[in-house]
Amino acid sequence: MAKGGILPLVLAAALDPNHWRPSFGVQGQDVSSHQGNVDWASQWNQGSRFAYVKASEGNYYLNENFSQQYNGSRNVGMLRGSYHFAIPNWSSGADQARYFIANGGAWAADGATLPPVLDFEFNPYEGRTIGGFYFGDTCYDMSPSQLASWVRDFGNTVRSLIGRYPVIYTNTAWWNHCTGDAPGFGEYPLWVARYPSSPTNDAGPLPSSWSRYSMWQYSSTGPFAGDSNIWNGSYADLGAFARNGVPSAAFQAISGLR
């Protein structure tokens, strides 16, 4: 994602609606204020069935297009959720979790709301001082143990507020480098980012906490507005994930036991 809110960034190449897509799963996308008011009917017609919308960053920024994007995607029939862009050296994980949940990150088991996401990745302000605050290096000038503790602080706070852990969005190379491939995050669903240069169904290696990913962000240039993603499962599984995180196959197994 890497879409910061307080400093304009260079946008990705022009959107390519004919960009290749993985040949499995459910297609979806994620957007931020950079996309402005999205034509959601057009996105639906192109095949997008779920959307994640940036809600917040740090504890200082809210997406001014959040309502149009979050409600608009739902109004055309998509499942939708929200994400928070972490700036871990700005304030504590608990502080940013509370800010997020109070400003668009809340979740309800209504079958239409996807669980909230922690966007934890490369520092988009690497080496910059803005408003007197130095943002640090790509790892935010924090040690692997500090970053892992920050994620747990964020995740535990979200769970205490809404009853479930957030999804972690990250890039494997960055996660391994900056957290030291921190273990113990298997309870958090994984959304992995990898942009192959040619068509493939391979999302690449995953951090050691996960043997499977829930979502894969495979392109920042198409086919959809914002970033393009695939849900690693069926539409029924995606609906179950929205309701309570239990895949439909697990529901069926539980019913069979009963």
Protein backbone atom coordinates (compact mmCIF):
# COMPACT_ATOMS: atom_id res chain seq x y z
CA MET A 1 0.00 0.00 0.00
CA ALA A 2 2.58 2.56 1.15
CA LYS A 3 0.18 5.46 0.91
CA GLY A 4 1.06 8.00 3.57
CA GLY A 5 -1.33 10.78 4.44
CA ILE A 6 0.75 13.78 5.43
CA LEU A 7 3.17 13.96 2.51
CA PRO A 8 2.29 13.48 -1.18
CA LEU A 9 3.94 10.43 -2.70
CA VAL A 10 4.68 9.47 -6.29
CA LEU A 11 1.73 7.44 -7.52
CA ALA A 12 2.09 4.12 -9.31
CA ALA A 13 1.92 3.80 -13.07
CA ALA A 14 -1.35 4.47 -14.85
CA LEU A 15 -4.13 2.02 -14.06
CA ASP A 16 -4.26 -0.91 -16.49
CA PRO A 17 -7.74 -2.49 -16.49
CA ASN A 18 -6.38 -5.32 -18.66
CA HIS A 19 -3.65 -6.26 -16.18
CA TRP A 20 -3.33 -10.01 -15.61
CA ARG A 21 -5.12 -11.55 -12.62
CA PRO A 22 -4.41 -14.70 -10.61
CA SER A 23 -6.63 -17.52 -11.82
CA PHE A 24 -8.15 -18.46 -8.44
CA GLY A 25 -9.97 -16.93 -5.49
CA VAL A 26 -12.08 -13.79 -5.25
CA GLN A 27 -10.97 -10.49 -6.78
CA GLY A 28 -10.84 -7.30 -4.70
CA GLN A 29 -8.99 -4.03 -4.18
CA ASP A 30 -7.78 -1.49 -1.65
CA VAL A 31 -7.95 2.29 -1.93
CA SER A 32 -6.94 5.45 -0.10
CA SER A 33 -7.45 9.18 -0.55
CA HIS A 34 -5.18 8.99 -3.61
CA GLN A 35 -8.07 7.42 -5.53
CA GLY A 36 -10.55 10.16 -4.59
CA ASN A 37 -14.20 9.38 -5.27
CA VAL A 38 -14.17 5.89 -6.77
CA ASP A 39 -16.64 4.75 -9.44
CA TRP A 40 -17.67 1.65 -7.55
CA ALA A 41 -20.20 0.46 -10.11
CA SER A 42 -17.38 0.33 -12.67
CA GLN A 43 -15.16 -1.62 -10.24
CA TRP A 44 -17.97 -4.10 -9.60
CA ASN A 45 -18.51 -4.56 -13.32
CA GLN A 46 -14.81 -5.31 -13.73
CA GLY A 47 -15.13 -8.12 -11.18
CA SER A 48 -14.08 -6.64 -7.85
CA ARG A 49 -16.06 -8.15 -4.98
CA PHE A 50 -14.37 -6.75 -1.87
CA ALA A 51 -12.65 -3.52 -0.92
CA TYR A 52 -10.41 -2.29 1.85
CA VAL A 53 -10.37 1.45 2.50
CA LYS A 54 -7.68 3.41 4.30
CA ALA A 55 -9.19 4.93 7.43
CA SER A 56 -6.25 6.35 9.36
CA GLU A 57 -2.52 6.79 9.77
CA GLY A 58 -0.55 7.30 12.97
CA ASN A 59 -2.86 9.25 15.25
CA TYR A 60 -2.85 12.39 13.10
CA TYR A 61 -4.51 11.59 9.78
CA LEU A 62 -7.95 10.45 8.56
CA ASN A 63 -8.86 9.68 4.96
CA GLU A 64 -11.05 12.54 3.71
CA ASN A 65 -12.63 10.21 1.12
CA PHE A 66 -13.38 7.44 3.61
CA SER A 67 -17.18 7.74 3.62
CA GLN A 68 -17.55 7.70 -0.17
CA GLN A 69 -15.17 4.79 -0.52
CA TYR A 70 -16.34 2.70 2.43
CA ASN A 71 -20.08 3.19 1.92
CA GLY A 72 -19.90 3.37 -1.86
CA SER A 73 -18.22 -0.02 -2.17
CA ARG A 74 -20.86 -1.57 0.07
CA ASN A 75 -23.70 0.09 -1.83
CA VAL A 76 -22.79 -1.77 -5.02
CA GLY A 77 -22.70 -5.09 -3.15
CA MET A 78 -19.06 -5.47 -2.12
CA LEU A 79 -17.86 -6.71 1.23
CA ARG A 80 -15.68 -3.97 2.66
CA GLY A 81 -13.35 -3.21 5.53
CA SER A 82 -10.82 -0.60 6.62
CA TYR A 83 -7.11 -0.39 7.26
CA HIS A 84 -4.73 1.63 9.39
CA PHE A 85 -1.27 2.68 8.18
CA ALA A 86 1.11 2.20 11.09
CA ILE A 87 3.78 4.74 11.99
CA PRO A 88 5.21 2.78 14.93
CA ASN A 89 7.77 5.36 16.08
CA TRP A 90 5.07 8.03 16.32
CA SER A 91 3.06 6.58 19.21
CA SER A 92 2.27 3.25 20.86
CA GLY A 93 0.43 0.40 19.20
CA ALA A 94 -2.41 0.76 21.70
CA ASP A 95 -2.72 4.48 20.98
CA GLN A 96 -2.96 3.97 17.22
CA ALA A 97 -5.33 1.03 17.60
CA ARG A 98 -7.75 3.15 19.63
CA TYR A 99 -7.49 5.97 17.09
CA PHE A 100 -8.21 3.54 14.25
CA ILE A 101 -11.17 1.81 15.86
CA ALA A 102 -12.72 5.17 16.79
CA ASN A 103 -12.33 6.46 13.23
CA GLY A 104 -13.56 3.82 10.83
CA GLY A 105 -11.86 0.66 12.05
CA ALA A 106 -14.75 -0.81 13.99
CA TRP A 107 -16.06 -4.24 12.99
CA ALA A 108 -19.50 -5.83 13.20
CA ALA A 109 -20.48 -9.45 12.56
CA ASP A 110 -23.03 -8.37 9.95
CA GLY A 111 -21.60 -10.42 7.08
CA ALA A 112 -20.72 -7.26 5.14
CA THR A 113 -17.83 -5.89 7.22
CA LEU A 114 -14.38 -7.40 6.79
CA PRO A 115 -12.06 -7.43 9.82
CA PRO A 116 -9.79 -4.39 10.25
CA VAL A 117 -6.24 -4.40 8.91
CA LEU A 118 -2.91 -3.22 10.27
CA ASP A 119 -0.83 -1.98 7.33
CA PHE A 120 2.69 -2.65 8.61
CA GLU A 121 5.40 -2.08 6.03
CA PHE A 122 8.16 0.07 4.53
CA ASN A 123 8.46 3.56 6.00
CA PRO A 124 7.06 5.88 3.28
CA TYR A 125 8.80 8.87 4.92
CA GLU A 126 12.21 7.21 5.26
CA GLY A 127 14.94 9.72 6.08
CA ARG A 128 12.56 12.67 6.23
CA THR A 129 11.80 15.21 8.92
CA ILE A 130 8.26 16.59 8.74
CA GLY A 131 6.92 19.15 11.18
CA GLY A 132 10.00 18.64 13.33
CA PHE A 133 9.50 14.87 13.59
CA TYR A 134 12.16 12.57 12.14
CA PHE A 135 10.56 9.44 10.73
CA GLY A 136 13.70 7.31 10.73
CA ASP A 137 14.89 4.57 8.40
CA THR A 138 12.82 1.93 6.61
CA CYS A 139 12.35 0.18 9.99
CA TYR A 140 11.39 3.46 11.69
CA ASP A 141 14.66 3.42 13.67
CA MET A 142 13.21 0.62 15.80
CA SER A 143 14.70 -2.75 16.66
CA PRO A 144 13.07 -6.05 15.61
CA SER A 145 11.89 -6.71 19.17
CA GLN A 146 10.46 -3.21 19.48
CA LEU A 147 8.52 -3.56 16.23
CA ALA A 148 7.19 -7.01 17.17
CA SER A 149 6.07 -5.68 20.55
CA TRP A 150 4.40 -2.73 18.83
CA VAL A 151 2.36 -5.05 16.61
CA ARG A 152 1.27 -7.13 19.60
CA ASP A 153 0.27 -3.97 21.46
CA PHE A 154 -1.82 -2.87 18.48
CA GLY A 155 -3.34 -6.30 17.92
CA ASN A 156 -4.19 -6.98 21.55
CA THR A 157 -5.83 -3.57 21.84
CA VAL A 158 -7.92 -4.16 18.71
CA ARG A 159 -8.98 -7.55 20.04
CA SER A 160 -10.00 -6.04 23.36
CA LEU A 161 -12.12 -3.46 21.53
CA ILE A 162 -13.83 -5.55 18.83
CA GLY A 163 -13.29 -9.18 19.85
CA ARG A 164 -10.92 -10.33 17.11
CA TYR A 165 -7.36 -9.81 15.96
CA PRO A 166 -6.72 -7.57 12.96
CA VAL A 167 -5.33 -8.78 9.68
CA ILE A 168 -1.63 -7.99 9.20
CA TYR A 169 -0.72 -6.58 5.80
CA THR A 170 3.00 -6.71 5.08
CA ASN A 171 5.74 -7.56 2.62
CA THR A 172 7.71 -10.70 3.47
CA ALA A 173 11.15 -9.20 2.80
CA TRP A 174 10.41 -6.12 4.89
CA TRP A 175 8.82 -8.11 7.74
CA ASN A 176 11.76 -10.49 7.89
CA HIS A 177 14.29 -7.65 7.77
CA CYS A 178 12.63 -5.27 10.24
CA THR A 179 11.01 -7.67 12.73
CA GLY A 180 13.65 -10.39 12.41
CA ASP A 181 10.91 -12.69 11.06
CA ALA A 182 9.19 -12.44 14.43
CA PRO A 183 7.28 -15.61 15.39
CA GLY A 184 3.98 -15.97 17.19
CA PHE A 185 1.61 -14.10 14.86
CA GLY A 186 -0.28 -17.06 13.44
CA GLU A 187 -3.55 -15.92 15.05
CA TYR A 188 -3.49 -12.85 12.83
CA PRO A 189 -4.72 -13.43 9.26
CA LEU A 190 -2.02 -12.55 6.73
CA TRP A 191 -2.36 -10.21 3.75
CA VAL A 192 0.88 -10.43 1.80
CA ALA A 193 2.13 -7.97 -0.83
CA ARG A 194 4.13 -9.15 -3.84
CA TYR A 195 4.03 -7.69 -7.36
CA PRO A 196 5.27 -10.26 -9.91
CA SER A 197 6.29 -8.89 -13.30
CA SER A 198 4.48 -11.65 -15.20
CA PRO A 199 1.32 -13.76 -14.69
CA THR A 200 1.59 -16.26 -11.86
CA ASN A 201 -0.44 -17.82 -9.06
CA ASP A 202 2.55 -17.77 -6.71
CA ALA A 203 2.49 -15.19 -3.93
CA GLY A 204 6.06 -16.04 -2.98
CA PRO A 205 7.55 -16.99 0.39
CA LEU A 206 5.71 -16.07 3.57
CA PRO A 207 7.04 -15.05 6.99
CA SER A 208 7.51 -18.04 9.28
CA SER A 209 4.48 -17.25 11.45
CA TRP A 210 2.21 -18.22 8.55
CA SER A 211 1.86 -21.28 6.35
CA ARG A 212 -1.00 -19.73 4.38
CA TYR A 213 -2.12 -16.23 3.43
CA SER A 214 -5.69 -14.94 3.43
CA MET A 215 -5.15 -12.22 0.82
CA TRP A 216 -2.49 -11.41 -1.75
CA GLN A 217 -1.91 -7.92 -3.12
CA TYR A 218 -0.55 -8.74 -6.55
CA SER A 219 -0.57 -5.38 -8.36
CA SER A 220 -0.54 -1.62 -7.78
CA THR A 221 -1.33 -0.76 -11.42
CA GLY A 222 -4.47 -2.73 -12.27
CA PRO A 223 -6.86 -4.20 -13.03
CA PHE A 224 -8.66 -2.23 -10.31
CA ALA A 225 -8.40 1.28 -8.92
CA GLY A 226 -5.89 1.45 -6.10
CA ASP A 227 -4.20 -1.90 -5.48
CA SER A 228 -5.52 -5.21 -6.78
CA ASN A 229 -5.90 -8.25 -4.53
CA ILE A 230 -7.07 -11.83 -4.44
CA TRP A 231 -8.86 -13.59 -1.59
CA ASN A 232 -7.35 -17.05 -1.15
CA GLY A 233 -10.57 -19.04 -1.08
CA SER A 234 -14.19 -19.08 -2.19
CA TYR A 235 -16.74 -16.30 -1.91
CA ALA A 236 -18.46 -18.35 0.82
CA ASP A 237 -15.17 -18.43 2.73
CA LEU A 238 -14.83 -14.67 2.35
CA GLY A 239 -18.33 -14.22 3.78
CA ALA A 240 -17.47 -16.44 6.73
CA PHE A 241 -14.27 -14.47 7.26
CA ALA A 242 -16.33 -11.29 7.40
CA ARG A 243 -18.75 -12.77 9.92
CA ASN A 244 -16.31 -14.27 12.38
CA GLY A 245 -13.15 -15.48 10.70
CA VAL A 246 -14.14 -19.16 10.59
CA PRO A 247 -13.99 -20.61 7.03
CA SER A 248 -17.13 -22.23 5.68
CA ALA A 249 -15.43 -25.64 5.63
CA ALA A 250 -14.92 -25.36 9.38
CA PHE A 251 -18.58 -24.47 9.86
CA GLN A 252 -19.54 -27.58 7.92
CA ALA A 253 -17.22 -29.77 10.01
CA ILE A 254 -18.64 -28.34 13.24
CA SER A 255 -22.20 -28.92 11.99
CA GLY A 256 -21.30 -32.50 11.10
CA LEU A 257 -19.97 -33.16 14.60
CA ARG A 258 -23.13 -31.71 16.11
